[in-house]
Amino acid sequence: MHTSIPDFRMPVEEQVHLAAETFRLLADPTRIKILWALLQGESSVACLAELVNAAPTAVSQHLAKLRLAGLVRGRREGTFVYYSAADVHVRQLLAEALFHADHADRELPDHGPAEQVSDHHG
């Protein structure tokens, strides 16, 4: 069946494993909240801890894992480190996951193929 599809390609193994690792890291509500907060702008561990209602040490551990996976970046200023989301892909990945959850939860219809996804998430 797939042989009849023009330009059909499967991702390479490394891409598949890295994507799976990204999803594994995102399979945690606190990490999702941390990332969402960082998509709004740069933040410190203390501020993130307050936003996500978690201990600063726990937030630091989450950030270390997210940083290793390339999902967040850190910028040192004096004794503080300010974190931000790594790139636009993180925003799209997280936004789509949250929009999908909303659609599934409210049993909303699927978007038609010609519809712009961004039109439905404002």
N, C-alpha and C. Protein backbone atom coordinates (compact mmCIF):
# COMPACT_ATOMS: atom_id res chain seq x y z
N MET A 1 0.83 -1.20 0.00
CA MET A 1 0.00 0.00 0.00
C MET A 1 0.87 1.26 0.00
N HIS A 2 1.87 1.33 0.90
CA HIS A 2 2.70 2.53 0.96
C HIS A 2 3.57 2.71 -0.29
N THR A 3 3.81 1.62 -1.01
CA THR A 3 4.62 1.73 -2.23
C THR A 3 3.90 2.51 -3.32
N SER A 4 2.60 2.65 -3.21
CA SER A 4 1.84 3.41 -4.22
C SER A 4 1.79 4.90 -3.91
N ILE A 5 2.31 5.30 -2.76
CA ILE A 5 2.30 6.71 -2.37
C ILE A 5 3.58 7.37 -2.88
N PRO A 6 3.45 8.40 -3.72
CA PRO A 6 4.66 9.06 -4.23
C PRO A 6 5.46 9.69 -3.10
N ASP A 7 6.76 9.58 -3.18
CA ASP A 7 7.68 10.19 -2.20
C ASP A 7 7.47 9.70 -0.77
N PHE A 8 6.93 8.50 -0.60
CA PHE A 8 6.75 7.96 0.76
C PHE A 8 8.12 7.71 1.38
N ARG A 9 8.29 8.22 2.60
CA ARG A 9 9.55 8.02 3.32
C ARG A 9 9.28 7.76 4.78
N MET A 10 10.11 6.96 5.36
CA MET A 10 10.07 6.75 6.81
C MET A 10 11.21 7.56 7.42
N PRO A 11 11.05 8.03 8.65
CA PRO A 11 12.14 8.77 9.30
C PRO A 11 13.31 7.82 9.60
N VAL A 12 14.51 8.38 9.69
CA VAL A 12 15.67 7.56 10.02
C VAL A 12 15.61 7.19 11.50
N GLU A 13 16.29 6.10 11.86
CA GLU A 13 16.24 5.57 13.23
C GLU A 13 16.61 6.61 14.28
N GLU A 14 17.64 7.41 14.02
CA GLU A 14 18.07 8.40 15.00
C GLU A 14 16.95 9.41 15.27
N GLN A 15 16.26 9.85 14.22
CA GLN A 15 15.15 10.80 14.39
C GLN A 15 14.06 10.16 15.25
N VAL A 16 13.74 8.90 14.97
CA VAL A 16 12.68 8.21 15.70
C VAL A 16 13.02 8.13 17.19
N HIS A 17 14.26 7.77 17.49
CA HIS A 17 14.67 7.63 18.89
C HIS A 17 14.71 8.98 19.60
N LEU A 18 15.18 10.02 18.92
CA LEU A 18 15.20 11.35 19.53
C LEU A 18 13.79 11.88 19.75
N ALA A 19 12.89 11.63 18.80
CA ALA A 19 11.50 12.06 18.97
C ALA A 19 10.85 11.32 20.14
N ALA A 20 11.12 10.02 20.25
CA ALA A 20 10.56 9.24 21.36
C ALA A 20 11.08 9.75 22.70
N GLU A 21 12.36 10.12 22.75
CA GLU A 21 12.93 10.67 23.97
C GLU A 21 12.27 12.00 24.32
N THR A 22 12.00 12.83 23.31
CA THR A 22 11.32 14.09 23.55
C THR A 22 9.93 13.84 24.14
N PHE A 23 9.19 12.91 23.56
CA PHE A 23 7.86 12.61 24.08
C PHE A 23 7.94 12.03 25.49
N ARG A 24 8.97 11.21 25.75
CA ARG A 24 9.14 10.64 27.09
C ARG A 24 9.34 11.77 28.11
N LEU A 25 10.17 12.73 27.75
CA LEU A 25 10.42 13.85 28.66
C LEU A 25 9.18 14.72 28.86
N LEU A 26 8.36 14.81 27.83
CA LEU A 26 7.15 15.63 27.93
C LEU A 26 6.00 14.90 28.63
N ALA A 27 6.20 13.63 28.96
CA ALA A 27 5.15 12.84 29.60
C ALA A 27 5.12 13.10 31.10
N ASP A 28 5.18 14.37 31.47
CA ASP A 28 5.18 14.76 32.88
C ASP A 28 4.47 16.11 32.98
N PRO A 29 3.39 16.19 33.75
CA PRO A 29 2.62 17.44 33.83
C PRO A 29 3.45 18.64 34.28
N THR A 30 4.37 18.44 35.21
CA THR A 30 5.18 19.57 35.69
C THR A 30 6.07 20.09 34.56
N ARG A 31 6.66 19.18 33.79
CA ARG A 31 7.52 19.62 32.68
C ARG A 31 6.71 20.36 31.62
N ILE A 32 5.50 19.91 31.37
CA ILE A 32 4.64 20.60 30.40
C ILE A 32 4.36 22.02 30.90
N LYS A 33 4.07 22.16 32.18
CA LYS A 33 3.80 23.49 32.73
C LYS A 33 5.04 24.38 32.69
N ILE A 34 6.19 23.79 33.00
CA ILE A 34 7.45 24.55 32.94
C ILE A 34 7.68 25.05 31.52
N LEU A 35 7.56 24.16 30.55
CA LEU A 35 7.78 24.55 29.16
C LEU A 35 6.79 25.61 28.71
N TRP A 36 5.52 25.43 29.09
CA TRP A 36 4.51 26.42 28.69
C TRP A 36 4.85 27.79 29.27
N ALA A 37 5.27 27.81 30.53
CA ALA A 37 5.66 29.07 31.16
C ALA A 37 6.84 29.69 30.42
N LEU A 38 7.81 28.86 30.02
CA LEU A 38 8.99 29.38 29.32
C LEU A 38 8.67 29.87 27.92
N LEU A 39 7.59 29.37 27.35
CA LEU A 39 7.16 29.86 26.04
C LEU A 39 6.61 31.28 26.14
N GLN A 40 6.23 31.70 27.35
CA GLN A 40 5.73 33.06 27.56
C GLN A 40 6.88 34.04 27.73
N GLY A 41 8.07 33.50 28.04
CA GLY A 41 9.24 34.35 28.24
C GLY A 41 10.23 33.71 29.18
N GLU A 42 11.39 34.31 29.25
CA GLU A 42 12.48 33.82 30.07
C GLU A 42 12.09 33.82 31.55
N SER A 43 12.63 32.87 32.31
CA SER A 43 12.28 32.80 33.72
C SER A 43 13.39 32.14 34.53
N SER A 44 13.39 32.41 35.83
CA SER A 44 14.34 31.79 36.77
C SER A 44 13.69 30.56 37.40
N VAL A 45 14.50 29.75 38.05
CA VAL A 45 14.01 28.56 38.74
C VAL A 45 12.98 28.95 39.80
N ALA A 46 13.28 29.98 40.59
CA ALA A 46 12.38 30.40 41.67
C ALA A 46 11.01 30.80 41.13
N CYS A 47 11.01 31.57 40.06
CA CYS A 47 9.75 32.01 39.46
C CYS A 47 8.99 30.81 38.88
N LEU A 48 9.70 29.92 38.19
CA LEU A 48 9.05 28.74 37.63
C LEU A 48 8.46 27.86 38.74
N ALA A 49 9.20 27.71 39.82
CA ALA A 49 8.73 26.89 40.94
C ALA A 49 7.39 27.42 41.47
N GLU A 50 7.30 28.73 41.57
CA GLU A 50 6.05 29.35 42.03
C GLU A 50 4.94 29.13 41.01
N LEU A 51 5.25 29.32 39.73
CA LEU A 51 4.25 29.17 38.67
C LEU A 51 3.68 27.76 38.58
N VAL A 52 4.55 26.76 38.73
CA VAL A 52 4.10 25.36 38.56
C VAL A 52 3.81 24.67 39.88
N ASN A 53 3.92 25.44 40.99
CA ASN A 53 3.62 24.93 42.32
C ASN A 53 4.46 23.68 42.65
N ALA A 54 5.77 23.84 42.51
CA ALA A 54 6.70 22.74 42.80
C ALA A 54 7.91 23.31 43.52
N ALA A 55 8.66 22.44 44.18
CA ALA A 55 9.86 22.87 44.89
C ALA A 55 10.94 23.28 43.88
N PRO A 56 11.71 24.32 44.21
CA PRO A 56 12.79 24.75 43.31
C PRO A 56 13.75 23.62 42.94
N THR A 57 14.05 22.74 43.88
CA THR A 57 14.97 21.63 43.56
C THR A 57 14.37 20.70 42.51
N ALA A 58 13.07 20.45 42.60
CA ALA A 58 12.39 19.61 41.60
C ALA A 58 12.40 20.29 40.24
N VAL A 59 12.13 21.60 40.22
CA VAL A 59 12.13 22.37 38.97
C VAL A 59 13.53 22.34 38.35
N SER A 60 14.56 22.48 39.17
CA SER A 60 15.95 22.43 38.67
C SER A 60 16.24 21.09 38.01
N GLN A 61 15.77 20.01 38.62
CA GLN A 61 15.98 18.67 38.05
C GLN A 61 15.25 18.54 36.71
N HIS A 62 14.03 19.01 36.66
CA HIS A 62 13.27 18.97 35.40
C HIS A 62 13.98 19.79 34.33
N LEU A 63 14.44 20.98 34.69
CA LEU A 63 15.12 21.85 33.73
C LEU A 63 16.41 21.22 33.21
N ALA A 64 17.13 20.52 34.08
CA ALA A 64 18.37 19.87 33.65
C ALA A 64 18.08 18.83 32.57
N LYS A 65 17.03 18.06 32.76
CA LYS A 65 16.66 17.04 31.77
C LYS A 65 16.17 17.69 30.48
N LEU A 66 15.36 18.72 30.60
CA LEU A 66 14.85 19.42 29.41
C LEU A 66 15.98 20.11 28.64
N ARG A 67 16.96 20.58 29.38
CA ARG A 67 18.11 21.24 28.75
C ARG A 67 18.96 20.22 27.99
N LEU A 68 19.22 19.07 28.61
CA LEU A 68 19.99 18.01 27.95
C LEU A 68 19.31 17.54 26.66
N ALA A 69 17.98 17.55 26.67
CA ALA A 69 17.22 17.12 25.49
C ALA A 69 17.11 18.23 24.45
N GLY A 70 17.63 19.42 24.76
CA GLY A 70 17.59 20.52 23.81
C GLY A 70 16.25 21.23 23.74
N LEU A 71 15.41 21.04 24.76
CA LEU A 71 14.09 21.68 24.77
C LEU A 71 14.11 23.05 25.43
N VAL A 72 15.08 23.30 26.31
CA VAL A 72 15.23 24.61 26.93
C VAL A 72 16.69 25.05 26.85
N ARG A 73 16.88 26.36 27.00
CA ARG A 73 18.22 26.96 27.03
C ARG A 73 18.36 27.73 28.33
N GLY A 74 19.60 27.83 28.78
CA GLY A 74 19.88 28.61 29.98
C GLY A 74 20.82 29.75 29.66
N ARG A 75 20.62 30.88 30.33
CA ARG A 75 21.49 32.05 30.17
C ARG A 75 21.90 32.52 31.56
N ARG A 76 23.20 32.51 31.80
CA ARG A 76 23.69 32.92 33.12
C ARG A 76 23.84 34.43 33.18
N GLU A 77 23.36 34.98 34.30
CA GLU A 77 23.54 36.42 34.58
C GLU A 77 23.91 36.54 36.05
N GLY A 78 25.20 36.74 36.30
CA GLY A 78 25.69 36.75 37.68
C GLY A 78 25.55 35.36 38.27
N THR A 79 24.86 35.28 39.41
CA THR A 79 24.67 33.98 40.06
C THR A 79 23.37 33.31 39.63
N PHE A 80 22.59 33.98 38.79
CA PHE A 80 21.31 33.43 38.36
C PHE A 80 21.39 32.84 36.96
N VAL A 81 20.54 31.85 36.73
CA VAL A 81 20.39 31.30 35.38
C VAL A 81 18.95 31.54 34.98
N TYR A 82 18.78 32.11 33.79
CA TYR A 82 17.44 32.35 33.26
C TYR A 82 17.21 31.38 32.11
N TYR A 83 16.07 30.72 32.15
CA TYR A 83 15.75 29.68 31.17
C TYR A 83 14.72 30.18 30.16
N SER A 84 14.80 29.61 28.96
CA SER A 84 13.81 29.90 27.92
C SER A 84 13.61 28.64 27.09
N ALA A 85 12.49 28.60 26.37
CA ALA A 85 12.24 27.47 25.46
C ALA A 85 13.26 27.54 24.33
N ALA A 86 13.68 26.39 23.85
CA ALA A 86 14.78 26.32 22.89
C ALA A 86 14.46 26.96 21.54
N ASP A 87 13.28 26.67 20.99
CA ASP A 87 12.99 27.17 19.64
C ASP A 87 11.50 27.08 19.33
N VAL A 88 11.14 27.47 18.12
CA VAL A 88 9.74 27.49 17.69
C VAL A 88 9.16 26.08 17.65
N HIS A 89 10.00 25.06 17.45
CA HIS A 89 9.50 23.69 17.40
C HIS A 89 8.92 23.26 18.75
N VAL A 90 9.53 23.72 19.83
CA VAL A 90 9.02 23.40 21.17
C VAL A 90 7.62 23.99 21.33
N ARG A 91 7.45 25.23 20.88
CA ARG A 91 6.13 25.87 20.96
C ARG A 91 5.09 25.07 20.17
N GLN A 92 5.44 24.71 18.94
CA GLN A 92 4.50 23.98 18.09
C GLN A 92 4.16 22.61 18.67
N LEU A 93 5.17 21.91 19.16
CA LEU A 93 4.98 20.58 19.73
C LEU A 93 4.05 20.64 20.93
N LEU A 94 4.34 21.54 21.83
CA LEU A 94 3.54 21.65 23.05
C LEU A 94 2.14 22.17 22.76
N ALA A 95 2.05 23.18 21.91
CA ALA A 95 0.75 23.74 21.56
C ALA A 95 -0.14 22.68 20.92
N GLU A 96 0.41 21.92 19.98
CA GLU A 96 -0.40 20.88 19.32
C GLU A 96 -0.84 19.80 20.31
N ALA A 97 0.04 19.42 21.24
CA ALA A 97 -0.33 18.43 22.25
C ALA A 97 -1.48 18.94 23.11
N LEU A 98 -1.40 20.22 23.52
CA LEU A 98 -2.46 20.80 24.35
C LEU A 98 -3.75 20.97 23.56
N PHE A 99 -3.65 21.40 22.30
CA PHE A 99 -4.84 21.55 21.47
C PHE A 99 -5.48 20.18 21.21
N HIS A 100 -4.65 19.17 20.98
CA HIS A 100 -5.17 17.82 20.77
C HIS A 100 -5.92 17.35 22.02
N ALA A 101 -5.33 17.59 23.19
CA ALA A 101 -5.97 17.20 24.45
C ALA A 101 -7.32 17.88 24.61
N ASP A 102 -7.38 19.16 24.27
CA ASP A 102 -8.63 19.92 24.35
C ASP A 102 -9.67 19.34 23.40
N HIS A 103 -9.26 19.03 22.17
CA HIS A 103 -10.18 18.45 21.19
C HIS A 103 -10.70 17.10 21.67
N ALA A 104 -9.80 16.27 22.16
CA ALA A 104 -10.19 14.93 22.62
C ALA A 104 -11.12 15.03 23.83
N ASP A 105 -10.79 15.94 24.76
CA ASP A 105 -11.58 16.10 25.97
C ASP A 105 -12.98 16.59 25.67
N ARG A 106 -13.10 17.52 24.73
CA ARG A 106 -14.41 18.09 24.41
C ARG A 106 -15.06 17.42 23.20
N GLU A 107 -14.42 16.36 22.69
CA GLU A 107 -14.93 15.60 21.54
C GLU A 107 -15.26 16.52 20.36
N LEU A 108 -14.34 17.44 20.08
CA LEU A 108 -14.52 18.35 18.96
C LEU A 108 -14.21 17.64 17.65
N PRO A 109 -14.82 18.07 16.55
CA PRO A 109 -14.54 17.43 15.26
C PRO A 109 -13.12 17.73 14.80
N ASP A 110 -12.61 16.86 13.96
CA ASP A 110 -11.28 17.05 13.39
C ASP A 110 -11.30 18.24 12.44
N HIS A 111 -10.14 18.85 12.23
CA HIS A 111 -10.01 19.93 11.26
C HIS A 111 -10.00 19.32 9.87
N GLY A 112 -10.65 19.98 8.92
CA GLY A 112 -10.59 19.54 7.54
C GLY A 112 -9.20 19.77 6.99
N PRO A 113 -8.83 19.07 5.92
CA PRO A 113 -7.47 19.19 5.39
C PRO A 113 -7.12 20.59 4.89
N ALA A 114 -8.10 21.37 4.47
CA ALA A 114 -7.82 22.71 3.95
C ALA A 114 -7.84 23.77 5.04
N GLU A 115 -8.29 23.41 6.23
CA GLU A 115 -8.40 24.39 7.31
C GLU A 115 -7.04 24.69 7.91
N GLN A 116 -6.83 25.93 8.29
CA GLN A 116 -5.61 26.33 8.97
C GLN A 116 -5.79 25.99 10.44
N VAL A 117 -4.86 25.21 11.00
CA VAL A 117 -4.94 24.82 12.39
C VAL A 117 -4.93 26.04 13.30
N SER A 118 -4.13 27.05 12.96
CA SER A 118 -4.02 28.23 13.82
C SER A 118 -5.35 28.99 13.92
N ASP A 119 -6.22 28.82 12.95
CA ASP A 119 -7.51 29.52 12.99
C ASP A 119 -8.40 29.03 14.12
N HIS A 120 -8.13 27.84 14.64
CA HIS A 120 -9.02 27.23 15.62
C HIS A 120 -8.47 27.26 17.03
N HIS A 121 -7.34 27.89 17.23
CA HIS A 121 -6.72 27.83 18.55
C HIS A 121 -6.54 29.20 19.17
N GLY A 122 -7.31 30.16 18.75
CA GLY A 122 -7.15 31.51 19.29
C GLY A 122 -7.89 31.74 20.54
